[in-house]
N, C-alpha and C. Protein backbone atom coordinates (compact mmCIF):
# COMPACT_ATOMS: atom_id res chain seq x y z
N UNK A 1 0.53 -0.99 0.33
CA UNK A 1 -0.16 -0.24 -0.01
C UNK A 1 1.02 1.04 0.03
N UNK A 2 0.40 2.48 -0.52
CA UNK A 2 1.86 3.53 -0.79
C UNK A 2 0.85 4.08 0.08
N UNK A 3 2.08 5.33 0.70
CA UNK A 3 1.78 6.38 2.14
C UNK A 3 1.94 7.53 1.50
N UNK A 4 0.51 8.17 1.77
CA UNK A 4 0.92 9.42 1.18
C UNK A 4 0.40 10.15 2.57
N UNK A 5 0.78 11.68 2.62
CA UNK A 5 0.78 12.86 3.01
C UNK A 5 -0.05 13.33 2.73
N UNK A 6 -0.77 14.40 4.05
CA UNK A 6 -1.73 15.52 3.44
C UNK A 6 -2.50 16.18 4.77
N UNK A 7 -2.26 17.81 4.15
CA UNK A 7 -2.14 18.28 5.64
C UNK A 7 -3.44 18.61 5.17
N UNK A 8 -4.36 18.39 6.60
CA UNK A 8 -5.62 19.56 6.69
C UNK A 8 -6.08 20.45 7.69
N UNK A 9 -6.88 21.45 7.57
CA UNK A 9 -7.11 21.88 8.72
C UNK A 9 -7.71 21.60 10.13
N UNK A 10 -7.17 22.23 11.15
CA UNK A 10 -7.63 21.38 12.03
C UNK A 10 -9.05 21.50 12.27
N UNK A 11 -9.94 22.19 12.02
CA UNK A 11 -11.14 21.56 11.65
C UNK A 11 -11.30 20.31 11.64
N UNK A 12 -11.20 20.23 10.04
CA UNK A 12 -11.24 18.59 9.48
C UNK A 12 -10.03 18.01 9.75
N UNK A 13 -9.07 18.10 10.24
CA UNK A 13 -8.59 16.96 11.04
C UNK A 13 -9.51 16.38 12.17
N UNK A 14 -10.16 17.05 13.57
CA UNK A 14 -11.12 17.11 14.37
C UNK A 14 -12.24 16.52 13.98
N UNK A 15 -12.81 16.51 12.66
CA UNK A 15 -14.07 15.70 12.43
C UNK A 15 -13.89 14.27 12.03
N UNK A 16 -12.73 14.33 11.06
CA UNK A 16 -12.02 13.52 10.80
C UNK A 16 -11.77 11.82 12.02
N UNK A 17 -10.94 12.66 13.18
CA UNK A 17 -10.89 11.45 14.75
C UNK A 17 -11.98 11.45 14.76
N UNK A 18 -12.75 12.51 14.68
CA UNK A 18 -14.08 12.29 15.46
C UNK A 18 -14.91 11.03 15.46
N UNK A 19 -15.22 10.95 13.60
CA UNK A 19 -15.73 9.90 12.92
C UNK A 19 -14.85 8.97 12.72
N UNK A 20 -13.85 8.72 12.81
CA UNK A 20 -12.54 7.70 13.21
C UNK A 20 -13.00 6.51 14.92
N UNK A 21 -13.41 7.84 15.48
CA UNK A 21 -13.80 7.12 16.64
C UNK A 21 -14.50 6.56 16.85
N UNK A 22 -15.70 7.45 16.48
CA UNK A 22 -17.36 6.65 16.30
C UNK A 22 -17.86 5.76 16.07
N UNK A 23 -15.95 5.27 14.90
CA UNK A 23 -16.54 3.81 13.79
C UNK A 23 -15.95 2.70 14.63
N UNK A 24 -14.96 3.51 15.48
CA UNK A 24 -14.02 2.37 15.75
C UNK A 24 -12.85 1.36 14.91
N UNK A 25 -12.24 2.55 13.47
CA UNK A 25 -11.81 2.41 13.38
C UNK A 25 -10.26 3.40 13.16
N UNK A 26 -9.74 3.53 12.27
CA UNK A 26 -8.43 4.69 12.25
C UNK A 26 -8.92 5.30 11.03
N UNK A 27 -8.67 6.63 11.21
CA UNK A 27 -8.24 7.56 10.47
C UNK A 27 -8.18 7.09 8.95
N UNK A 28 -6.93 5.98 8.99
CA UNK A 28 -6.44 6.25 7.57
C UNK A 28 -7.70 5.54 6.75
N UNK A 29 -8.60 4.58 7.71
CA UNK A 29 -9.62 4.40 6.69
C UNK A 29 -10.60 4.73 6.42
N UNK A 30 -10.48 6.04 7.50
CA UNK A 30 -12.16 6.92 7.32
C UNK A 30 -11.58 7.50 5.43
N UNK A 31 -10.56 7.86 6.17
CA UNK A 31 -9.94 8.65 4.88
C UNK A 31 -9.41 8.16 3.56
N UNK A 32 -9.49 6.28 3.53
CA UNK A 32 -9.89 5.67 1.99
C UNK A 32 -10.27 5.67 1.81
N UNK A 33 -11.49 5.74 2.48
CA UNK A 33 -13.25 5.48 3.02
C UNK A 33 -14.00 6.17 1.74
N UNK A 34 -13.52 7.72 2.29
CA UNK A 34 -14.04 9.11 1.10
C UNK A 34 -13.37 9.19 0.52
N UNK A 35 -12.07 9.24 0.03
CA UNK A 35 -11.38 9.24 -1.22
C UNK A 35 -11.90 8.54 -2.23
N UNK A 36 -12.14 6.83 -2.09
CA UNK A 36 -13.21 5.78 -2.56
C UNK A 36 -14.16 6.72 -3.08
N UNK A 37 -15.13 7.05 -2.05
CA UNK A 37 -16.43 7.35 -2.52
C UNK A 37 -16.06 8.69 -3.45
N UNK A 38 -15.66 9.64 -4.10
CA UNK A 38 -15.19 10.82 -3.56
C UNK A 38 -14.79 9.95 -5.23
N UNK A 39 -13.83 9.05 -6.20
CA UNK A 39 -13.63 8.92 -6.58
C UNK A 39 -14.71 8.20 -7.84
N UNK A 40 -15.76 7.42 -6.99
CA UNK A 40 -16.46 6.91 -7.68
C UNK A 40 -17.51 8.10 -8.33
N UNK A 41 -17.66 8.77 -7.09
CA UNK A 41 -18.60 10.08 -7.19
C UNK A 41 -18.73 10.94 -8.62
N UNK A 42 -17.40 10.87 -8.84
CA UNK A 42 -16.59 11.87 -10.32
C UNK A 42 -16.63 10.58 -11.52
N UNK A 43 -17.25 9.37 -11.25
CA UNK A 43 -17.43 8.52 -12.66
C UNK A 43 -17.91 9.29 -13.43
N UNK A 44 -19.17 9.98 -13.16
CA UNK A 44 -19.81 10.77 -14.63
C UNK A 44 -18.50 11.70 -14.48
N UNK A 45 -17.70 12.34 -14.67
CA UNK A 45 -17.12 13.14 -14.74
C UNK A 45 -16.48 12.71 -16.49
N UNK A 46 -16.12 11.63 -16.62
CA UNK A 46 -15.71 11.06 -17.63
C UNK A 46 -17.03 10.20 -18.95
N UNK A 47 -17.94 10.93 -18.46
CA UNK A 47 -18.93 10.34 -19.80
C UNK A 47 -18.85 11.67 -20.74
N UNK A 48 -19.54 11.30 -21.51
CA UNK A 48 -19.46 11.95 -23.06
C UNK A 48 -20.24 12.74 -22.62
N UNK A 49 -21.52 14.16 -23.32
CA UNK A 49 -22.28 14.85 -22.96
C UNK A 49 -23.17 13.84 -23.69
N UNK A 50 -23.38 13.48 -24.86
CA UNK A 50 -24.23 12.18 -25.08
C UNK A 50 -24.50 10.97 -24.42
N UNK A 51 -23.70 10.01 -23.20
CA UNK A 51 -24.73 10.00 -22.35
C UNK A 51 -24.74 10.52 -21.21
N UNK A 52 -24.28 11.86 -21.12
CA UNK A 52 -25.12 12.82 -20.11
C UNK A 52 -26.46 13.32 -20.68
N UNK A 53 -26.68 13.19 -20.95
CA UNK A 53 -27.90 13.68 -21.76
C UNK A 53 -29.27 12.99 -22.71
N UNK A 54 -28.37 11.25 -22.43
CA UNK A 54 -29.56 9.96 -23.15
C UNK A 54 -30.71 10.13 -23.24
N UNK A 55 -30.72 10.47 -21.18
CA UNK A 55 -32.43 10.71 -21.76
C UNK A 55 -33.05 11.57 -22.00
N UNK A 56 -32.58 12.79 -22.95
CA UNK A 56 -33.31 13.83 -22.90
C UNK A 56 -33.37 14.29 -24.88
N UNK A 57 -32.58 12.74 -25.45
CA UNK A 57 -31.90 13.01 -26.84
C UNK A 57 -33.83 12.23 -26.78
N UNK A 58 -34.24 13.26 -27.77
CA UNK A 58 -35.89 12.56 -28.79
C UNK A 58 -36.49 13.14 -27.69
N UNK A 59 -36.81 13.65 -27.16
CA UNK A 59 -37.66 14.17 -25.65
C UNK A 59 -38.54 15.49 -26.78
N UNK A 60 -38.10 16.54 -27.27
CA UNK A 60 -38.66 17.81 -27.89
C UNK A 60 -39.10 17.24 -29.30
N UNK A 61 -39.99 17.98 -29.99
CA UNK A 61 -40.04 17.21 -31.02
C UNK A 61 -40.06 19.16 -32.03
N UNK A 62 -39.90 19.23 -32.93
CA UNK A 62 -39.57 19.69 -34.05
C UNK A 62 -38.25 19.38 -35.06
N UNK A 63 -37.63 20.44 -35.84
CA UNK A 63 -36.96 19.51 -37.19
C UNK A 63 -35.51 18.62 -36.50
N UNK A 64 -35.54 17.45 -37.17
CA UNK A 64 -34.12 16.93 -37.07
C UNK A 64 -33.01 17.35 -36.72
N UNK A 65 -32.33 17.57 -37.99
CA UNK A 65 -31.38 18.77 -37.90
C UNK A 65 -31.36 19.83 -38.31
N UNK A 66 -31.34 20.68 -37.57
CA UNK A 66 -31.38 22.10 -38.37
C UNK A 66 -29.55 22.29 -38.92
N UNK A 67 -28.48 22.14 -38.77
CA UNK A 67 -27.71 22.37 -39.73
C UNK A 67 -27.83 21.27 -41.10
N UNK A 68 -28.33 20.83 -41.17
CA UNK A 68 -28.51 20.29 -43.61
C UNK A 68 -29.94 20.61 -44.19
N UNK A 69 -30.02 21.25 -43.06
CA UNK A 69 -31.87 21.99 -44.36
C UNK A 69 -31.27 23.97 -44.36
N UNK A 70 -30.94 23.93 -45.38
CA UNK A 70 -31.09 25.13 -45.09
C UNK A 70 -31.53 26.61 -45.42
N UNK A 71 -33.10 26.03 -45.23
CA UNK A 71 -34.12 27.04 -45.44
C UNK A 71 -33.86 27.43 -43.54
N UNK A 72 -33.69 26.13 -42.96
CA UNK A 72 -33.21 27.13 -41.20
C UNK A 72 -32.13 28.17 -40.65
N UNK A 73 -31.12 27.72 -42.50
CA UNK A 73 -30.26 28.71 -42.35
C UNK A 73 -30.08 30.29 -42.77
N UNK A 74 -31.06 30.52 -43.29
CA UNK A 74 -31.20 31.74 -44.51
C UNK A 74 -30.85 33.00 -43.85
N UNK A 75 -31.18 33.35 -42.35
CA UNK A 75 -30.89 34.13 -41.99
C UNK A 75 -30.17 34.46 -40.80
N UNK A 76 -28.95 33.00 -40.87
CA UNK A 76 -27.53 32.86 -39.56
C UNK A 76 -27.36 33.79 -39.87
N UNK A 77 -26.28 34.40 -38.26
CA UNK A 77 -25.54 35.00 -38.58
C UNK A 77 -25.57 36.97 -38.73
N UNK A 78 -27.85 36.64 -38.70
CA UNK A 78 -27.52 38.55 -39.39
C UNK A 78 -27.84 38.80 -37.87
C-alpha cells in the first residue's frame, strides 16, 4: 500500500478523528473510504455529453437536424 501525506485544517482533522472513534476504526481507513467514495462519485465526469443527456435526446418535437436544412440557415449570422 502506498503512503501519502496530506495537510488538513484543524477543524477537518477533529471531525475526521471523531468519525474514526465513532466507527471504531483508524483515521486512515476513514480517509481511504472517503477518497474512494469521492472518486466513484466523479465517474460521471468521464462520460460524454451524449451519455449524460441520453434521457433527453429525442424528447422534444421539432426539425430533426437544423444544420443540414438550408431553410433554417437563411438568416443565420444576421
